[in-house]
Amino acid sequence: MKTLNRIKFKTIGIFLFSMLLVASCSKDDNGGGPEANDGFDGSQSSIETLLGGAVLDSLIDLGMEIHYGSRPPIVEGQYRIDPTVLEASSVPGDWIGMTYNSVNFSFSNQNPENLQVTFDAQEDLGYDHEGSGSFISGNDNSFSVFLVNESELGDGYIGETIFVITGTIVENGLTDFQIALYMVDNAGHIGSIPNDTGRIFIDGDGLVEKL
């Protein structure tokens, strides 16, 4: 049975926090059910089961590249996104090209058998996003990582969010990098981005450096 990761805003950090905030509908096929992570094999169908077909379609329509497959590269290591730039958004009022603070993040505990990996992020201001288990797909040097979260939005509101990270391993880091945030259910929290909207960020110089 699936247990969603829990994120608290007091630790999520300015970058990840700001991904969830409004810049200026109800869920349909939202995925993330009790058996959503059973039998994940990196195929399109298993990713649809994890995220929900509507969410996956929305991210693809927004410009997110998804790498399917059961043989992703080993991505373990520490990386830095600098500068962090908004590439695409379905959030009303967003400004494409806006720069956010830089982010250090890492992948660890990658398991090729069950396609799980641990994601951690820390930002320049010292806030962090710790130890979230996620799934990885891909082939050759390209990969996608999927993280479904219960997010503590504040004032007792518990929402559901999805992070997707995609890229290609090169000698000194990652290219073709994107990190997306999709709001499945903001639980009515005022100030969060609307349900069924998302944002995609990239590294502004085209290379996420390996530290």
C-alpha atoms as a PDB file:
ATOM      1  CA  MET A   1       0.000   0.000   0.000  1.00  0.00           C
ATOM      2  CA  LYS A   2       1.295   3.428  -0.936  1.00  0.00           C
ATOM      3  CA  THR A   3       2.205   6.026   1.678  1.00  0.00           C
ATOM      4  CA  LEU A   4       2.632   9.535   0.327  1.00  0.00           C
ATOM      5  CA  ASN A   5       5.713  11.480   1.363  1.00  0.00           C
ATOM      6  CA  ARG A   6       4.993  14.297   3.799  1.00  0.00           C
ATOM      7  CA  ILE A   7       6.486  17.759   3.193  1.00  0.00           C
ATOM      8  CA  LYS A   8       6.323  20.606   5.708  1.00  0.00           C
ATOM      9  CA  PHE A   9       6.648  24.172   4.452  1.00  0.00           C
ATOM     10  CA  LYS A  10       8.961  25.071   7.320  1.00  0.00           C
ATOM     11  CA  THR A  11      11.552  22.699   5.842  1.00  0.00           C
ATOM     12  CA  ILE A  12      10.725  22.565   2.152  1.00  0.00           C
ATOM     13  CA  GLY A  13      12.764  25.657   1.284  1.00  0.00           C
ATOM     14  CA  ILE A  14      12.179  28.874  -0.627  1.00  0.00           C
ATOM     15  CA  PHE A  15      12.544  27.341  -4.099  1.00  0.00           C
ATOM     16  CA  LEU A  16      10.272  24.350  -3.625  1.00  0.00           C
ATOM     17  CA  PHE A  17       7.917  26.462  -1.496  1.00  0.00           C
ATOM     18  CA  SER A  18       7.663  29.120  -4.184  1.00  0.00           C
ATOM     19  CA  MET A  19       6.851  26.462  -6.767  1.00  0.00           C
ATOM     20  CA  LEU A  20       3.647  25.869  -4.803  1.00  0.00           C
ATOM     21  CA  LEU A  21       2.614  29.510  -4.380  1.00  0.00           C
ATOM     22  CA  VAL A  22       0.374  31.531  -6.664  1.00  0.00           C
ATOM     23  CA  ALA A  23       2.405  34.026  -8.740  1.00  0.00           C
ATOM     24  CA  SER A  24       0.129  36.965  -9.278  1.00  0.00           C
ATOM     25  CA  CYS A  25     -11.632  22.678 -10.398  1.00  0.00           C
ATOM     26  CA  SER A  26     -11.696  19.473  -9.272  1.00  0.00           C
ATOM     27  CA  LYS A  27      -9.338  16.498  -9.841  1.00  0.00           C
ATOM     28  CA  ASP A  28      -9.989  14.021 -12.655  1.00  0.00           C
ATOM     29  CA  ASP A  29      -7.967  10.817 -13.021  1.00  0.00           C
ATOM     30  CA  ASN A  30      -5.581  12.045 -10.367  1.00  0.00           C
ATOM     31  CA  GLY A  31      -3.712   8.810  -9.738  1.00  0.00           C
ATOM     32  CA  GLY A  32      -1.871   8.194  -6.509  1.00  0.00           C
ATOM     33  CA  GLY A  33      -4.287   5.527  -5.249  1.00  0.00           C
ATOM     34  CA  PRO A  34      -3.401   2.945  -2.592  1.00  0.00           C
ATOM     35  CA  GLU A  35      -1.735   0.608  -5.086  1.00  0.00           C
ATOM     36  CA  ALA A  36      -0.191   3.324  -7.252  1.00  0.00           C
ATOM     37  CA  ASN A  37       3.422   2.312  -6.615  1.00  0.00           C
ATOM     38  CA  ASP A  38       2.934  -1.450  -6.916  1.00  0.00           C
ATOM     39  CA  GLY A  39       4.750  -2.965  -9.878  1.00  0.00           C
ATOM     40  CA  PHE A  40       6.445   0.229 -11.060  1.00  0.00           C
ATOM     41  CA  ASP A  41       8.577  -0.758 -14.060  1.00  0.00           C
ATOM     42  CA  GLY A  42       9.309   2.552 -15.755  1.00  0.00           C
ATOM     43  CA  SER A  43       6.739   1.994 -18.511  1.00  0.00           C
ATOM     44  CA  GLN A  44       4.259   4.638 -19.580  1.00  0.00           C
ATOM     45  CA  SER A  45       1.428   2.640 -18.040  1.00  0.00           C
ATOM     46  CA  SER A  46       3.151   2.355 -14.652  1.00  0.00           C
ATOM     47  CA  ILE A  47       3.930   6.078 -14.640  1.00  0.00           C
ATOM     48  CA  GLU A  48       0.291   6.798 -15.483  1.00  0.00           C
ATOM     49  CA  THR A  49      -0.728   4.593 -12.549  1.00  0.00           C
ATOM     50  CA  LEU A  50       1.617   6.459 -10.202  1.00  0.00           C
ATOM     51  CA  LEU A  51       0.818  10.017 -11.316  1.00  0.00           C
ATOM     52  CA  GLY A  52      -2.549   9.649 -13.018  1.00  0.00           C
ATOM     53  CA  GLY A  53      -3.030   9.812 -16.758  1.00  0.00           C
ATOM     54  CA  ALA A  54      -4.441  13.346 -16.665  1.00  0.00           C
ATOM     55  CA  VAL A  55      -1.458  14.633 -14.677  1.00  0.00           C
ATOM     56  CA  LEU A  56       1.045  12.951 -16.986  1.00  0.00           C
ATOM     57  CA  ASP A  57      -0.720  14.355 -20.056  1.00  0.00           C
ATOM     58  CA  SER A  58      -0.783  17.835 -18.512  1.00  0.00           C
ATOM     59  CA  LEU A  59       2.948  17.764 -17.781  1.00  0.00           C
ATOM     60  CA  ILE A  60       3.754  16.545 -21.281  1.00  0.00           C
ATOM     61  CA  ASP A  61       1.520  19.240 -22.792  1.00  0.00           C
ATOM     62  CA  LEU A  62       3.379  21.794 -20.667  1.00  0.00           C
ATOM     63  CA  GLY A  63       6.664  20.667 -22.219  1.00  0.00           C
ATOM     64  CA  MET A  64       7.976  18.096 -19.745  1.00  0.00           C
ATOM     65  CA  GLU A  65      10.069  15.383 -21.375  1.00  0.00           C
ATOM     66  CA  ILE A  66       9.497  11.945 -19.863  1.00  0.00           C
ATOM     67  CA  HIS A  67      12.055   9.163 -20.262  1.00  0.00           C
ATOM     68  CA  TYR A  68      10.389   5.761 -20.069  1.00  0.00           C
ATOM     69  CA  GLY A  69      12.201   2.496 -19.456  1.00  0.00           C
ATOM     70  CA  SER A  70      13.384   0.067 -16.807  1.00  0.00           C
ATOM     71  CA  ARG A  71      17.134   0.634 -17.137  1.00  0.00           C
ATOM     72  CA  PRO A  72      17.827   4.213 -16.039  1.00  0.00           C
ATOM     73  CA  PRO A  73      21.403   5.378 -15.494  1.00  0.00           C
ATOM     74  CA  ILE A  74      22.865   5.549 -11.999  1.00  0.00           C
ATOM     75  CA  VAL A  75      22.141   9.122 -10.947  1.00  0.00           C
ATOM     76  CA  GLU A  76      23.530   9.039  -7.408  1.00  0.00           C
ATOM     77  CA  GLY A  77      25.487  12.143  -6.489  1.00  0.00           C
ATOM     78  CA  GLN A  78      25.188  15.812  -5.560  1.00  0.00           C
ATOM     79  CA  TYR A  79      24.165  18.480  -8.071  1.00  0.00           C
ATOM     80  CA  ARG A  80      23.526  22.230  -8.281  1.00  0.00           C
ATOM     81  CA  ILE A  81      20.884  24.117 -10.287  1.00  0.00           C
ATOM     82  CA  ASP A  82      22.205  27.631 -10.922  1.00  0.00           C
ATOM     83  CA  PRO A  83      20.476  29.721 -12.126  1.00  0.00           C
ATOM     84  CA  THR A  84      16.996  28.280 -11.639  1.00  0.00           C
ATOM     85  CA  VAL A  85      14.688  29.598 -14.370  1.00  0.00           C
ATOM     86  CA  LEU A  86      10.946  29.168 -14.939  1.00  0.00           C
ATOM     87  CA  GLU A  87      10.603  27.536 -18.357  1.00  0.00           C
ATOM     88  CA  ALA A  88       6.862  26.867 -18.564  1.00  0.00           C
ATOM     89  CA  SER A  89       3.751  27.256 -16.436  1.00  0.00           C
ATOM     90  CA  SER A  90       0.003  26.771 -16.458  1.00  0.00           C
ATOM     91  CA  VAL A  91      -0.369  28.983 -13.354  1.00  0.00           C
ATOM     92  CA  PRO A  92      -2.210  32.218 -14.187  1.00  0.00           C
ATOM     93  CA  GLY A  93      -0.009  35.304 -13.925  1.00  0.00           C
ATOM     94  CA  ASP A  94       3.335  33.495 -14.011  1.00  0.00           C
ATOM     95  CA  TRP A  95       6.262  35.200 -15.723  1.00  0.00           C
ATOM     96  CA  ILE A  96       8.212  32.815 -17.941  1.00  0.00           C
ATOM     97  CA  GLY A  97      11.942  33.383 -17.565  1.00  0.00           C
ATOM     98  CA  MET A  98      11.749  34.456 -13.917  1.00  0.00           C
ATOM     99  CA  THR A  99      14.839  33.420 -11.948  1.00  0.00           C
ATOM    100  CA  TYR A 100      14.543  31.649  -8.582  1.00  0.00           C
ATOM    101  CA  ASN A 101      17.234  30.916  -5.996  1.00  0.00           C
ATOM    102  CA  SER A 102      19.774  28.186  -6.678  1.00  0.00           C
ATOM    103  CA  VAL A 103      19.317  24.657  -5.374  1.00  0.00           C
ATOM    104  CA  ASN A 104      21.705  21.910  -4.321  1.00  0.00           C
ATOM    105  CA  PHE A 105      20.166  18.456  -4.488  1.00  0.00           C
ATOM    106  CA  SER A 106      21.227  14.839  -4.375  1.00  0.00           C
ATOM    107  CA  PHE A 107      20.114  11.364  -5.363  1.00  0.00           C
ATOM    108  CA  SER A 108      21.088   8.397  -3.205  1.00  0.00           C
ATOM    109  CA  ASN A 109      20.108   4.822  -2.348  1.00  0.00           C
ATOM    110  CA  GLN A 110      19.237   4.043  -5.958  1.00  0.00           C
ATOM    111  CA  ASN A 111      17.858   0.523  -6.294  1.00  0.00           C
ATOM    112  CA  PRO A 112      17.891  -0.886  -9.850  1.00  0.00           C
ATOM    113  CA  GLU A 113      15.597  -3.728  -8.817  1.00  0.00           C
ATOM    114  CA  ASN A 114      12.556  -1.751  -7.655  1.00  0.00           C
ATOM    115  CA  LEU A 115      13.503   1.503  -9.447  1.00  0.00           C
ATOM    116  CA  GLN A 116      13.469   3.577  -6.270  1.00  0.00           C
ATOM    117  CA  VAL A 117      15.830   6.425  -5.371  1.00  0.00           C
ATOM    118  CA  THR A 118      16.071   8.939  -2.513  1.00  0.00           C
ATOM    119  CA  PHE A 119      15.870  12.652  -3.331  1.00  0.00           C
ATOM    120  CA  ASP A 120      17.205  15.428  -1.056  1.00  0.00           C
ATOM    121  CA  ALA A 121      17.389  19.158  -1.767  1.00  0.00           C
ATOM    122  CA  GLN A 122      18.986  22.095   0.029  1.00  0.00           C
ATOM    123  CA  GLU A 123      18.877  25.699  -1.036  1.00  0.00           C
ATOM    124  CA  ASP A 124      21.159  28.686  -0.668  1.00  0.00           C
ATOM    125  CA  LEU A 125      19.127  30.066   2.231  1.00  0.00           C
ATOM    126  CA  GLY A 126      19.584  26.875   4.214  1.00  0.00           C
ATOM    127  CA  TYR A 127      16.114  25.366   3.958  1.00  0.00           C
ATOM    128  CA  ASP A 128      15.874  21.760   2.916  1.00  0.00           C
ATOM    129  CA  HIS A 129      13.700  18.980   1.591  1.00  0.00           C
ATOM    130  CA  GLU A 130      14.882  15.769   3.150  1.00  0.00           C
ATOM    131  CA  GLY A 131      14.978  12.120   2.245  1.00  0.00           C
ATOM    132  CA  SER A 132      11.977  11.677  -0.025  1.00  0.00           C
ATOM    133  CA  GLY A 133      11.598   8.281  -1.668  1.00  0.00           C
ATOM    134  CA  SER A 134      10.767   8.371  -5.347  1.00  0.00           C
ATOM    135  CA  PHE A 135      10.704   6.244  -8.494  1.00  0.00           C
ATOM    136  CA  ILE A 136      13.048   6.443 -11.465  1.00  0.00           C
ATOM    137  CA  SER A 137      12.641   5.413 -15.095  1.00  0.00           C
ATOM    138  CA  GLY A 138      14.736   5.734 -18.233  1.00  0.00           C
ATOM    139  CA  ASN A 139      17.290   4.079 -20.477  1.00  0.00           C
ATOM    140  CA  ASP A 140      20.919   4.677 -21.418  1.00  0.00           C
ATOM    141  CA  ASN A 141      21.938   8.100 -20.034  1.00  0.00           C
ATOM    142  CA  SER A 142      18.482   9.680 -19.749  1.00  0.00           C
ATOM    143  CA  PHE A 143      16.135   9.407 -16.772  1.00  0.00           C
ATOM    144  CA  SER A 144      12.994  10.717 -15.098  1.00  0.00           C
ATOM    145  CA  VAL A 145      12.273  10.729 -11.350  1.00  0.00           C
ATOM    146  CA  PHE A 146       8.741  10.851  -9.909  1.00  0.00           C
ATOM    147  CA  LEU A 147       7.807  11.944  -6.395  1.00  0.00           C
ATOM    148  CA  VAL A 148       4.217  12.041  -5.093  1.00  0.00           C
ATOM    149  CA  ASN A 149       3.788  13.982  -1.841  1.00  0.00           C
ATOM    150  CA  GLU A 150       1.348  14.876   0.840  1.00  0.00           C
ATOM    151  CA  SER A 151       2.243  18.520   1.468  1.00  0.00           C
ATOM    152  CA  GLU A 152       1.533  20.277   4.753  1.00  0.00           C
ATOM    153  CA  LEU A 153       0.427  23.647   3.407  1.00  0.00           C
ATOM    154  CA  GLY A 154      -0.007  25.337   6.788  1.00  0.00           C
ATOM    155  CA  ASP A 155      -2.964  26.054   9.063  1.00  0.00           C
ATOM    156  CA  GLY A 156      -3.896  22.374   9.026  1.00  0.00           C
ATOM    157  CA  TYR A 157      -4.230  22.104   5.239  1.00  0.00           C
ATOM    158  CA  ILE A 158      -2.848  18.884   3.711  1.00  0.00           C
ATOM    159  CA  GLY A 159      -2.510  18.912  -0.068  1.00  0.00           C
ATOM    160  CA  GLU A 160      -1.158  16.553  -2.692  1.00  0.00           C
ATOM    161  CA  THR A 161       1.662  17.552  -5.017  1.00  0.00           C
ATOM    162  CA  ILE A 162       3.797  15.804  -7.616  1.00  0.00           C
ATOM    163  CA  PHE A 163       7.422  16.491  -8.511  1.00  0.00           C
ATOM    164  CA  VAL A 164       9.016  15.193 -11.712  1.00  0.00           C
ATOM    165  CA  ILE A 165      12.740  15.560 -12.453  1.00  0.00           C
ATOM    166  CA  THR A 166      14.215  14.651 -15.824  1.00  0.00           C
ATOM    167  CA  GLY A 167      17.629  14.902 -17.440  1.00  0.00           C
ATOM    168  CA  THR A 168      20.577  13.261 -19.164  1.00  0.00           C
ATOM    169  CA  ILE A 169      23.780  12.233 -17.404  1.00  0.00           C
ATOM    170  CA  VAL A 170      27.009  13.693 -18.813  1.00  0.00           C
ATOM    171  CA  GLU A 171      30.536  13.642 -17.407  1.00  0.00           C
ATOM    172  CA  ASN A 172      30.246  16.843 -15.379  1.00  0.00           C
ATOM    173  CA  GLY A 173      26.551  16.849 -14.506  1.00  0.00           C
ATOM    174  CA  LEU A 174      23.121  16.833 -16.131  1.00  0.00           C
ATOM    175  CA  THR A 175      21.892  18.318 -19.399  1.00  0.00           C
ATOM    176  CA  ASP A 176      18.365  18.627 -20.789  1.00  0.00           C
ATOM    177  CA  PHE A 177      17.334  19.079 -17.151  1.00  0.00           C
ATOM    178  CA  GLN A 178      13.796  19.936 -16.042  1.00  0.00           C
ATOM    179  CA  ILE A 179      12.098  19.883 -12.653  1.00  0.00           C
ATOM    180  CA  ALA A 180       8.315  20.168 -12.545  1.00  0.00           C
ATOM    181  CA  LEU A 181       5.798  20.750  -9.774  1.00  0.00           C
ATOM    182  CA  TYR A 182       2.138  19.840 -10.303  1.00  0.00           C
ATOM    183  CA  MET A 183      -0.610  20.666  -7.815  1.00  0.00           C
ATOM    184  CA  VAL A 184      -3.088  17.798  -7.605  1.00  0.00           C
ATOM    185  CA  ASP A 185      -5.067  19.089  -4.617  1.00  0.00           C
ATOM    186  CA  ASN A 186      -4.303  22.245  -2.630  1.00  0.00           C
ATOM    187  CA  ALA A 187      -7.050  21.389  -0.099  1.00  0.00           C
ATOM    188  CA  GLY A 188      -8.462  24.886  -0.495  1.00  0.00           C
ATOM    189  CA  HIS A 189      -5.321  26.535   0.873  1.00  0.00           C
ATOM    190  CA  ILE A 190      -5.315  30.219  -0.023  1.00  0.00           C
ATOM    191  CA  GLY A 191      -1.989  31.210  -1.574  1.00  0.00           C
ATOM    192  CA  SER A 192      -1.121  27.857  -3.127  1.00  0.00           C
ATOM    193  CA  ILE A 193      -1.169  27.452  -6.883  1.00  0.00           C
ATOM    194  CA  PRO A 194      -4.524  26.257  -8.264  1.00  0.00           C
ATOM    195  CA  ASN A 195      -5.375  22.586  -8.608  1.00  0.00           C
ATOM    196  CA  ASP A 196      -4.419  20.995 -11.925  1.00  0.00           C
ATOM    197  CA  THR A 197      -1.701  23.557 -12.651  1.00  0.00           C
ATOM    198  CA  GLY A 198       2.057  23.173 -12.720  1.00  0.00           C
ATOM    199  CA  ARG A 199       5.448  24.753 -13.280  1.00  0.00           C
ATOM    200  CA  ILE A 200       8.601  23.569 -15.042  1.00  0.00           C
ATOM    201  CA  PHE A 201      12.049  24.908 -14.103  1.00  0.00           C
ATOM    202  CA  ILE A 202      15.388  24.497 -15.881  1.00  0.00           C
ATOM    203  CA  ASP A 203      19.018  25.384 -15.267  1.00  0.00           C
ATOM    204  CA  GLY A 204      19.549  28.674 -17.052  1.00  0.00           C
ATOM    205  CA  ASP A 205      23.012  27.837 -18.414  1.00  0.00           C
ATOM    206  CA  GLY A 206      21.989  24.405 -19.670  1.00  0.00           C
ATOM    207  CA  LEU A 207      24.134  22.374 -17.270  1.00  0.00           C
ATOM    208  CA  VAL A 208      23.284  21.159 -13.774  1.00  0.00           C
ATOM    209  CA  GLU A 209      26.778  20.802 -12.347  1.00  0.00           C
ATOM    210  CA  LYS A 210      27.803  17.708 -10.415  1.00  0.00           C
ATOM    211  CA  LEU A 211      29.461  18.702  -7.143  1.00  0.00           C
END
